[in-house]
């Protein structure tokens, strides 16, 4: 999957991963993709709720050995 922008929020706790994602999405055009890497376990539910509330599409949600990876498609 091709991402137009990637941010790494590793080591940051709620709500910083969401706030950084929101700021990064503002720099993208509609339909572009943002990849977010996070280590906060709460990010899993936070990104689900963020996508639901904002209308951005959560196109990727996976857990690796050391982090969580999310893909958001800007509305």
N, C-alpha and C. Protein backbone atom coordinates (compact mmCIF):
# COMPACT_ATOMS: atom_id res chain seq x y z
N UNK A 1 0.84 -1.18 0.00
CA UNK A 1 0.00 0.00 0.00
C UNK A 1 0.89 1.25 0.00
N UNK A 2 0.58 2.18 -0.86
CA UNK A 2 1.36 3.42 -0.96
C UNK A 2 0.76 4.48 -0.04
N UNK A 3 1.61 5.09 0.78
CA UNK A 3 1.16 6.17 1.66
C UNK A 3 1.75 7.48 1.18
N UNK A 4 0.94 8.52 1.24
CA UNK A 4 1.39 9.84 0.81
C UNK A 4 2.22 10.54 1.89
N UNK A 5 2.00 10.15 3.14
CA UNK A 5 2.73 10.72 4.26
C UNK A 5 2.79 9.69 5.38
N UNK A 6 3.91 9.68 6.12
CA UNK A 6 4.07 8.76 7.24
C UNK A 6 4.54 9.54 8.45
N UNK A 7 3.97 9.20 9.62
CA UNK A 7 4.43 9.81 10.87
C UNK A 7 4.67 8.70 11.89
N UNK A 8 5.64 8.93 12.75
CA UNK A 8 5.97 7.97 13.81
C UNK A 8 5.69 8.64 15.15
N UNK A 9 4.72 8.09 15.87
CA UNK A 9 4.36 8.64 17.18
C UNK A 9 4.79 7.70 18.30
N UNK A 10 5.76 6.86 18.02
CA UNK A 10 6.26 5.91 19.02
C UNK A 10 6.72 6.65 20.27
N UNK A 11 6.36 6.10 21.42
CA UNK A 11 6.75 6.69 22.69
C UNK A 11 5.79 7.75 23.20
N UNK A 12 4.85 8.16 22.37
CA UNK A 12 3.87 9.17 22.78
C UNK A 12 2.59 8.51 23.26
N UNK A 13 2.00 9.08 24.30
CA UNK A 13 0.75 8.53 24.84
C UNK A 13 -0.43 9.40 24.45
N UNK A 14 -1.60 8.83 24.59
CA UNK A 14 -2.86 9.51 24.31
C UNK A 14 -2.87 10.87 24.99
N UNK A 15 -3.29 11.90 24.33
CA UNK A 15 -3.90 11.97 23.00
C UNK A 15 -2.93 12.37 21.89
N UNK A 16 -1.63 12.37 22.15
CA UNK A 16 -0.67 12.89 21.17
C UNK A 16 -0.67 12.17 19.83
N UNK A 17 -0.75 10.82 19.76
CA UNK A 17 -0.79 10.19 18.43
C UNK A 17 -1.97 10.68 17.57
N UNK A 18 -3.13 10.84 18.20
CA UNK A 18 -4.30 11.33 17.46
C UNK A 18 -4.10 12.78 17.03
N UNK A 19 -3.59 13.61 17.92
CA UNK A 19 -3.38 15.02 17.58
C UNK A 19 -2.38 15.18 16.44
N UNK A 20 -1.31 14.40 16.46
CA UNK A 20 -0.32 14.46 15.38
C UNK A 20 -0.91 13.94 14.07
N UNK A 21 -1.74 12.90 14.16
CA UNK A 21 -2.41 12.37 12.96
C UNK A 21 -3.36 13.41 12.38
N UNK A 22 -4.11 14.06 13.24
CA UNK A 22 -5.05 15.08 12.79
C UNK A 22 -4.31 16.20 12.06
N UNK A 23 -3.19 16.65 12.63
CA UNK A 23 -2.39 17.70 12.00
C UNK A 23 -1.84 17.24 10.65
N UNK A 24 -1.35 16.01 10.59
CA UNK A 24 -0.80 15.48 9.34
C UNK A 24 -1.90 15.34 8.27
N UNK A 25 -3.09 14.92 8.67
CA UNK A 25 -4.19 14.78 7.72
C UNK A 25 -4.58 16.13 7.13
N UNK A 26 -4.45 17.18 7.91
CA UNK A 26 -4.78 18.52 7.41
C UNK A 26 -3.87 18.94 6.27
N UNK A 27 -2.67 18.35 6.19
CA UNK A 27 -1.73 18.68 5.12
C UNK A 27 -1.99 17.87 3.84
N UNK A 28 -2.89 16.89 3.93
CA UNK A 28 -3.16 16.01 2.79
C UNK A 28 -4.42 16.46 2.06
N UNK A 29 -4.53 16.02 0.81
CA UNK A 29 -5.73 16.26 0.02
C UNK A 29 -6.69 15.10 0.19
N UNK A 30 -7.93 15.31 -0.14
CA UNK A 30 -8.95 14.27 -0.05
C UNK A 30 -8.50 13.03 -0.83
N UNK A 31 -8.62 11.86 -0.18
CA UNK A 31 -8.26 10.59 -0.83
C UNK A 31 -6.82 10.16 -0.59
N UNK A 32 -5.98 11.06 -0.08
CA UNK A 32 -4.58 10.68 0.18
C UNK A 32 -4.49 9.87 1.47
N UNK A 33 -3.41 9.10 1.58
CA UNK A 33 -3.24 8.17 2.70
C UNK A 33 -2.14 8.58 3.65
N UNK A 34 -2.44 8.41 4.94
CA UNK A 34 -1.49 8.69 6.01
C UNK A 34 -1.22 7.40 6.78
N UNK A 35 0.06 7.12 7.01
CA UNK A 35 0.46 5.97 7.82
C UNK A 35 0.96 6.49 9.17
N UNK A 36 0.44 5.90 10.25
CA UNK A 36 0.82 6.29 11.60
C UNK A 36 1.35 5.07 12.34
N UNK A 37 2.53 5.19 12.92
CA UNK A 37 3.09 4.14 13.78
C UNK A 37 3.00 4.64 15.21
N UNK A 38 2.47 3.79 16.10
CA UNK A 38 2.29 4.16 17.50
C UNK A 38 2.68 3.00 18.40
N UNK A 39 3.03 3.32 19.65
CA UNK A 39 3.34 2.27 20.62
C UNK A 39 2.33 2.26 21.77
N UNK A 40 1.51 3.28 21.89
CA UNK A 40 0.51 3.35 22.95
C UNK A 40 -0.59 2.33 22.69
N UNK A 41 -0.80 1.35 23.59
CA UNK A 41 -1.85 0.34 23.38
C UNK A 41 -3.24 0.95 23.22
N UNK A 42 -3.46 2.11 23.82
CA UNK A 42 -4.76 2.77 23.69
C UNK A 42 -5.02 3.31 22.30
N UNK A 43 -3.98 3.40 21.49
CA UNK A 43 -4.14 3.94 20.14
C UNK A 43 -5.09 3.09 19.31
N UNK A 44 -5.15 1.80 19.59
CA UNK A 44 -6.02 0.90 18.82
C UNK A 44 -7.46 1.41 18.83
N UNK A 45 -8.00 1.62 20.02
CA UNK A 45 -9.39 2.10 20.12
C UNK A 45 -9.48 3.58 19.79
N UNK A 46 -8.43 4.33 20.08
CA UNK A 46 -8.45 5.77 19.78
C UNK A 46 -8.58 6.03 18.29
N UNK A 47 -7.84 5.29 17.46
CA UNK A 47 -7.91 5.51 16.02
C UNK A 47 -9.22 5.03 15.43
N UNK A 48 -9.80 3.98 16.01
CA UNK A 48 -11.13 3.53 15.57
C UNK A 48 -12.15 4.64 15.82
N UNK A 49 -12.12 5.21 17.03
CA UNK A 49 -13.06 6.27 17.39
C UNK A 49 -12.81 7.53 16.55
N UNK A 50 -11.54 7.87 16.35
CA UNK A 50 -11.18 9.05 15.56
C UNK A 50 -11.75 8.93 14.14
N UNK A 51 -11.58 7.77 13.53
CA UNK A 51 -12.08 7.57 12.16
C UNK A 51 -13.61 7.69 12.13
N UNK A 52 -14.27 7.09 13.09
CA UNK A 52 -15.73 7.15 13.17
C UNK A 52 -16.22 8.59 13.32
N UNK A 53 -15.56 9.34 14.19
CA UNK A 53 -16.01 10.70 14.50
C UNK A 53 -15.68 11.72 13.42
N UNK A 54 -14.61 11.50 12.66
CA UNK A 54 -14.17 12.51 11.69
C UNK A 54 -14.55 12.19 10.25
N UNK A 55 -14.89 10.93 9.98
CA UNK A 55 -15.23 10.55 8.61
C UNK A 55 -14.04 10.12 7.77
N UNK A 56 -12.83 10.16 8.35
CA UNK A 56 -11.67 9.62 7.65
C UNK A 56 -11.78 8.09 7.70
N UNK A 57 -11.33 7.44 6.65
CA UNK A 57 -11.45 5.98 6.58
C UNK A 57 -10.20 5.30 7.14
N UNK A 58 -10.42 4.37 8.07
CA UNK A 58 -9.33 3.59 8.64
C UNK A 58 -9.10 2.40 7.69
N UNK A 59 -8.06 2.49 6.86
CA UNK A 59 -7.83 1.49 5.81
C UNK A 59 -6.82 0.43 6.23
N UNK A 60 -6.11 0.68 7.34
CA UNK A 60 -5.11 -0.26 7.84
C UNK A 60 -5.07 -0.17 9.35
N UNK A 61 -5.06 -1.34 9.98
CA UNK A 61 -4.95 -1.39 11.44
C UNK A 61 -4.28 -2.72 11.76
N UNK A 62 -3.00 -2.67 12.13
CA UNK A 62 -2.31 -3.91 12.42
C UNK A 62 -1.38 -3.76 13.60
N UNK A 63 -1.14 -4.87 14.26
CA UNK A 63 -0.24 -4.90 15.41
C UNK A 63 1.00 -5.67 15.00
N UNK A 64 2.17 -5.07 15.25
CA UNK A 64 3.43 -5.76 15.01
C UNK A 64 3.99 -6.15 16.37
N UNK A 65 5.16 -6.71 16.39
CA UNK A 65 5.77 -7.10 17.66
C UNK A 65 6.03 -5.90 18.57
N UNK A 66 6.35 -4.78 17.98
CA UNK A 66 6.76 -3.62 18.78
C UNK A 66 5.85 -2.41 18.68
N UNK A 67 4.88 -2.43 17.77
CA UNK A 67 4.07 -1.23 17.58
C UNK A 67 2.71 -1.53 16.95
N UNK A 68 1.95 -0.48 16.79
CA UNK A 68 0.67 -0.54 16.09
C UNK A 68 0.80 0.35 14.86
N UNK A 69 0.23 -0.10 13.75
CA UNK A 69 0.32 0.66 12.51
C UNK A 69 -1.10 0.93 12.01
N UNK A 70 -1.34 2.18 11.67
CA UNK A 70 -2.66 2.59 11.20
C UNK A 70 -2.52 3.30 9.86
N UNK A 71 -3.50 3.09 9.01
CA UNK A 71 -3.58 3.81 7.75
C UNK A 71 -4.89 4.56 7.71
N UNK A 72 -4.83 5.84 7.45
CA UNK A 72 -6.03 6.67 7.36
C UNK A 72 -6.12 7.31 5.98
N UNK A 73 -7.31 7.24 5.42
CA UNK A 73 -7.58 7.88 4.13
C UNK A 73 -8.36 9.15 4.39
N UNK A 74 -7.78 10.26 3.94
CA UNK A 74 -8.42 11.56 4.21
C UNK A 74 -9.74 11.66 3.47
N UNK A 75 -10.74 12.16 4.18
CA UNK A 75 -12.06 12.30 3.57
C UNK A 75 -12.10 13.48 2.63
